[in-house]
Amino acid sequence: MKYLILIAVMFSVTAHANDWNSSPNNWNNSASNWENSPSNWENSPNNWDNSPNNFGNTRIIRDTNGNAQGYAVPKSDGGVNFYNQDGTRKGYLPAQ
């Protein structure tokens, strides 16, 4: 029984840590954080690295017909920000 309680506590702590890592309230994920802002050149739709016109660009997200729908910008912490073509941040993948 003692081990079951210990496992339950460990699972609870791990689940809570993952919830915080994924939370939009976490500064690392916040749209207010400069690293996530499309005003930051790295995330800008005007940056050639985020352009669908840049042949072979691996940041571009395409639909099943090959049309550009947005782009993904890797973050320094290992996460990824997702933007539509006009630079509106649509989501993120937190660092693992």
N, C-alpha and C. Protein backbone atom coordinates (compact mmCIF):
# COMPACT_ATOMS: atom_id res chain seq x y z
N MET A 1 0.82 -1.19 0.00
CA MET A 1 0.00 0.00 0.00
C MET A 1 0.87 1.26 0.00
N LYS A 2 1.96 1.19 0.75
CA LYS A 2 2.87 2.32 0.84
C LYS A 2 3.41 2.69 -0.54
N TYR A 3 3.70 1.68 -1.37
CA TYR A 3 4.22 1.92 -2.71
C TYR A 3 3.18 2.53 -3.63
N LEU A 4 1.93 2.12 -3.47
CA LEU A 4 0.86 2.69 -4.28
C LEU A 4 0.68 4.17 -3.99
N ILE A 5 0.78 4.56 -2.73
CA ILE A 5 0.66 5.97 -2.37
C ILE A 5 1.83 6.75 -2.95
N LEU A 6 3.02 6.19 -2.84
CA LEU A 6 4.21 6.84 -3.38
C LEU A 6 4.09 7.03 -4.89
N ILE A 7 3.63 6.03 -5.60
CA ILE A 7 3.45 6.11 -7.05
C ILE A 7 2.39 7.16 -7.39
N ALA A 8 1.31 7.19 -6.64
CA ALA A 8 0.26 8.17 -6.89
C ALA A 8 0.78 9.59 -6.70
N VAL A 9 1.57 9.82 -5.66
CA VAL A 9 2.13 11.15 -5.41
C VAL A 9 3.10 11.53 -6.53
N MET A 10 3.95 10.60 -6.93
CA MET A 10 4.91 10.88 -8.00
C MET A 10 4.19 11.21 -9.31
N PHE A 11 3.13 10.46 -9.62
CA PHE A 11 2.36 10.71 -10.83
C PHE A 11 1.70 12.09 -10.77
N SER A 12 1.18 12.44 -9.61
CA SER A 12 0.53 13.74 -9.43
C SER A 12 1.52 14.88 -9.64
N VAL A 13 2.70 14.78 -9.09
CA VAL A 13 3.73 15.81 -9.25
C VAL A 13 4.15 15.91 -10.71
N THR A 14 4.35 14.79 -11.36
CA THR A 14 4.76 14.78 -12.77
C THR A 14 3.66 15.37 -13.64
N ALA A 15 2.41 14.99 -13.40
CA ALA A 15 1.30 15.51 -14.20
C ALA A 15 1.18 17.02 -14.01
N HIS A 16 1.36 17.50 -12.78
CA HIS A 16 1.27 18.93 -12.51
C HIS A 16 2.39 19.68 -13.22
N ALA A 17 3.59 19.13 -13.21
CA ALA A 17 4.72 19.77 -13.89
C ALA A 17 4.46 19.86 -15.39
N ASN A 18 3.90 18.80 -15.97
CA ASN A 18 3.59 18.82 -17.40
C ASN A 18 2.48 19.82 -17.70
N ASP A 19 1.50 19.93 -16.81
CA ASP A 19 0.44 20.91 -17.01
C ASP A 19 1.02 22.31 -17.03
N TRP A 20 1.93 22.63 -16.11
CA TRP A 20 2.54 23.95 -16.08
C TRP A 20 3.39 24.20 -17.32
N ASN A 21 4.13 23.19 -17.76
CA ASN A 21 4.95 23.34 -18.97
C ASN A 21 4.08 23.64 -20.19
N SER A 22 2.87 23.13 -20.21
CA SER A 22 1.97 23.32 -21.34
C SER A 22 1.06 24.53 -21.19
N SER A 23 1.00 25.10 -20.03
CA SER A 23 0.05 26.17 -19.73
C SER A 23 0.37 27.48 -20.46
N PRO A 24 -0.66 28.14 -21.01
CA PRO A 24 -0.44 29.47 -21.60
C PRO A 24 -0.12 30.51 -20.53
N ASN A 25 -0.36 30.19 -19.25
CA ASN A 25 -0.03 31.10 -18.15
C ASN A 25 1.45 31.05 -17.80
N ASN A 26 2.16 30.05 -18.28
CA ASN A 26 3.60 29.95 -18.10
C ASN A 26 4.25 30.97 -19.02
N TRP A 27 5.12 31.84 -18.49
CA TRP A 27 5.74 32.90 -19.27
C TRP A 27 6.42 32.38 -20.53
N ASN A 28 6.99 31.19 -20.48
CA ASN A 28 7.65 30.63 -21.67
C ASN A 28 6.68 30.43 -22.83
N ASN A 29 5.39 30.27 -22.53
CA ASN A 29 4.38 30.03 -23.55
C ASN A 29 3.53 31.26 -23.85
N SER A 30 3.69 32.30 -23.08
CA SER A 30 2.84 33.48 -23.17
C SER A 30 3.02 34.24 -24.49
N ALA A 31 1.90 34.70 -25.04
CA ALA A 31 1.95 35.53 -26.24
C ALA A 31 2.59 36.89 -25.93
N SER A 32 2.63 37.27 -24.66
CA SER A 32 3.25 38.54 -24.25
C SER A 32 4.77 38.45 -24.16
N ASN A 33 5.30 37.24 -24.17
CA ASN A 33 6.74 37.03 -24.10
C ASN A 33 7.35 37.41 -25.46
N TRP A 34 8.37 38.27 -25.45
CA TRP A 34 9.00 38.74 -26.69
C TRP A 34 9.46 37.59 -27.58
N GLU A 35 9.91 36.51 -26.99
CA GLU A 35 10.38 35.37 -27.78
C GLU A 35 9.25 34.75 -28.60
N ASN A 36 8.00 34.97 -28.20
CA ASN A 36 6.85 34.40 -28.90
C ASN A 36 6.13 35.40 -29.79
N SER A 37 6.56 36.63 -29.78
CA SER A 37 5.87 37.71 -30.49
C SER A 37 6.21 37.74 -31.98
N PRO A 38 5.20 37.96 -32.85
CA PRO A 38 5.50 38.11 -34.27
C PRO A 38 6.23 39.43 -34.56
N SER A 39 6.30 40.33 -33.57
CA SER A 39 7.08 41.56 -33.72
C SER A 39 8.58 41.28 -33.61
N ASN A 40 8.92 40.14 -33.02
CA ASN A 40 10.30 39.68 -32.95
C ASN A 40 10.67 39.18 -34.35
N TRP A 41 11.78 39.67 -34.92
CA TRP A 41 12.15 39.34 -36.29
C TRP A 41 12.19 37.84 -36.55
N GLU A 42 12.62 37.07 -35.59
CA GLU A 42 12.71 35.61 -35.76
C GLU A 42 11.34 35.02 -36.08
N ASN A 43 10.27 35.62 -35.55
CA ASN A 43 8.91 35.10 -35.72
C ASN A 43 8.11 35.84 -36.79
N SER A 44 8.66 36.85 -37.37
CA SER A 44 7.94 37.72 -38.30
C SER A 44 7.60 37.02 -39.62
N PRO A 45 6.41 37.29 -40.17
CA PRO A 45 6.09 36.74 -41.49
C PRO A 45 6.93 37.38 -42.59
N ASN A 46 7.58 38.50 -42.28
CA ASN A 46 8.45 39.17 -43.25
C ASN A 46 9.86 38.60 -43.28
N ASN A 47 10.17 37.74 -42.32
CA ASN A 47 11.48 37.09 -42.26
C ASN A 47 11.53 36.03 -43.37
N TRP A 48 12.57 36.08 -44.20
CA TRP A 48 12.72 35.13 -45.32
C TRP A 48 12.67 33.69 -44.84
N ASP A 49 13.15 33.43 -43.63
CA ASP A 49 13.13 32.06 -43.09
C ASP A 49 11.71 31.56 -42.86
N ASN A 50 10.73 32.46 -42.79
CA ASN A 50 9.33 32.08 -42.55
C ASN A 50 8.46 32.21 -43.81
N SER A 51 9.09 32.48 -44.94
CA SER A 51 8.35 32.75 -46.17
C SER A 51 8.09 31.47 -46.97
N PRO A 52 6.85 31.31 -47.47
CA PRO A 52 6.58 30.16 -48.33
C PRO A 52 7.26 30.30 -49.69
N ASN A 53 7.75 31.51 -50.00
CA ASN A 53 8.47 31.73 -51.25
C ASN A 53 9.93 31.28 -51.18
N ASN A 54 10.40 30.97 -49.99
CA ASN A 54 11.75 30.47 -49.78
C ASN A 54 11.73 28.98 -50.10
N PHE A 55 12.20 28.62 -51.29
CA PHE A 55 12.14 27.23 -51.75
C PHE A 55 12.82 26.28 -50.77
N GLY A 56 12.14 25.21 -50.44
CA GLY A 56 12.69 24.20 -49.54
C GLY A 56 12.61 24.59 -48.07
N ASN A 57 11.86 25.63 -47.77
CA ASN A 57 11.73 26.10 -46.39
C ASN A 57 11.07 25.03 -45.53
N THR A 58 11.75 24.58 -44.50
CA THR A 58 11.22 23.52 -43.64
C THR A 58 10.31 24.05 -42.54
N ARG A 59 10.19 25.37 -42.40
CA ARG A 59 9.31 25.95 -41.38
C ARG A 59 7.85 26.04 -41.85
N ILE A 60 7.62 25.94 -43.14
CA ILE A 60 6.29 26.16 -43.68
C ILE A 60 5.39 24.96 -43.40
N ILE A 61 4.17 25.25 -42.97
CA ILE A 61 3.15 24.23 -42.72
C ILE A 61 2.20 24.27 -43.91
N ARG A 62 2.03 23.15 -44.56
CA ARG A 62 1.20 23.08 -45.77
C ARG A 62 0.01 22.15 -45.58
N ASP A 63 -1.08 22.46 -46.28
CA ASP A 63 -2.24 21.58 -46.25
C ASP A 63 -2.00 20.41 -47.21
N THR A 64 -2.98 19.54 -47.34
CA THR A 64 -2.81 18.34 -48.16
C THR A 64 -2.67 18.66 -49.65
N ASN A 65 -3.06 19.88 -50.06
CA ASN A 65 -2.90 20.30 -51.45
C ASN A 65 -1.60 21.04 -51.69
N GLY A 66 -0.78 21.18 -50.65
CA GLY A 66 0.50 21.85 -50.79
C GLY A 66 0.47 23.35 -50.59
N ASN A 67 -0.69 23.89 -50.20
CA ASN A 67 -0.81 25.33 -49.97
C ASN A 67 -0.28 25.70 -48.59
N ALA A 68 0.50 26.76 -48.53
CA ALA A 68 1.05 27.22 -47.25
C ALA A 68 -0.08 27.71 -46.35
N GLN A 69 -0.09 27.21 -45.11
CA GLN A 69 -1.10 27.60 -44.13
C GLN A 69 -0.50 28.40 -42.98
N GLY A 70 0.80 28.32 -42.84
CA GLY A 70 1.49 29.00 -41.75
C GLY A 70 2.92 28.54 -41.67
N TYR A 71 3.53 28.84 -40.53
CA TYR A 71 4.92 28.44 -40.34
C TYR A 71 5.18 28.15 -38.87
N ALA A 72 6.22 27.38 -38.62
CA ALA A 72 6.62 26.98 -37.28
C ALA A 72 8.02 27.51 -37.02
N VAL A 73 8.20 28.15 -35.86
CA VAL A 73 9.50 28.71 -35.50
C VAL A 73 10.01 28.03 -34.24
N PRO A 74 11.14 27.34 -34.32
CA PRO A 74 11.70 26.71 -33.12
C PRO A 74 12.16 27.78 -32.12
N LYS A 75 11.95 27.49 -30.84
CA LYS A 75 12.37 28.40 -29.77
C LYS A 75 13.70 27.93 -29.18
N SER A 76 14.39 28.84 -28.53
CA SER A 76 15.70 28.50 -27.95
C SER A 76 15.60 27.47 -26.84
N ASP A 77 14.40 27.36 -26.19
CA ASP A 77 14.24 26.40 -25.10
C ASP A 77 13.81 25.02 -25.59
N GLY A 78 13.69 24.84 -26.90
CA GLY A 78 13.30 23.55 -27.45
C GLY A 78 11.84 23.47 -27.85
N GLY A 79 11.06 24.48 -27.51
CA GLY A 79 9.65 24.52 -27.91
C GLY A 79 9.52 25.02 -29.34
N VAL A 80 8.27 25.12 -29.80
CA VAL A 80 7.99 25.60 -31.15
C VAL A 80 6.76 26.51 -31.10
N ASN A 81 6.83 27.65 -31.80
CA ASN A 81 5.67 28.52 -31.97
C ASN A 81 5.10 28.31 -33.36
N PHE A 82 3.75 28.35 -33.47
CA PHE A 82 3.07 28.18 -34.74
C PHE A 82 2.32 29.46 -35.09
N TYR A 83 2.49 29.93 -36.32
CA TYR A 83 1.87 31.17 -36.79
C TYR A 83 1.14 30.90 -38.10
N ASN A 84 0.07 31.70 -38.35
CA ASN A 84 -0.52 31.61 -39.68
C ASN A 84 0.29 32.51 -40.61
N GLN A 85 -0.06 32.59 -41.87
CA GLN A 85 0.77 33.31 -42.85
C GLN A 85 0.88 34.81 -42.58
N ASP A 86 -0.10 35.41 -41.86
CA ASP A 86 0.02 36.84 -41.59
C ASP A 86 0.75 37.13 -40.28
N GLY A 87 1.26 36.10 -39.62
CA GLY A 87 2.06 36.28 -38.41
C GLY A 87 1.28 36.19 -37.12
N THR A 88 0.01 35.83 -37.17
CA THR A 88 -0.77 35.65 -35.94
C THR A 88 -0.38 34.34 -35.30
N ARG A 89 0.03 34.40 -34.04
CA ARG A 89 0.43 33.18 -33.32
C ARG A 89 -0.80 32.34 -33.05
N LYS A 90 -0.79 31.10 -33.52
CA LYS A 90 -1.94 30.20 -33.41
C LYS A 90 -1.76 29.14 -32.34
N GLY A 91 -0.54 28.89 -31.93
CA GLY A 91 -0.32 27.86 -30.93
C GLY A 91 1.15 27.67 -30.65
N TYR A 92 1.44 26.71 -29.82
CA TYR A 92 2.82 26.43 -29.43
C TYR A 92 2.94 24.99 -28.98
N LEU A 93 4.13 24.50 -29.05
CA LEU A 93 4.48 23.20 -28.51
C LEU A 93 5.54 23.49 -27.45
N PRO A 94 5.24 23.26 -26.17
CA PRO A 94 6.23 23.58 -25.13
C PRO A 94 7.46 22.67 -25.21
N ALA A 95 8.53 23.17 -24.65
CA ALA A 95 9.76 22.36 -24.57
C ALA A 95 9.46 21.10 -23.78
N GLN A 96 10.05 20.00 -24.18
CA GLN A 96 9.79 18.72 -23.50
C GLN A 96 10.80 18.47 -22.43
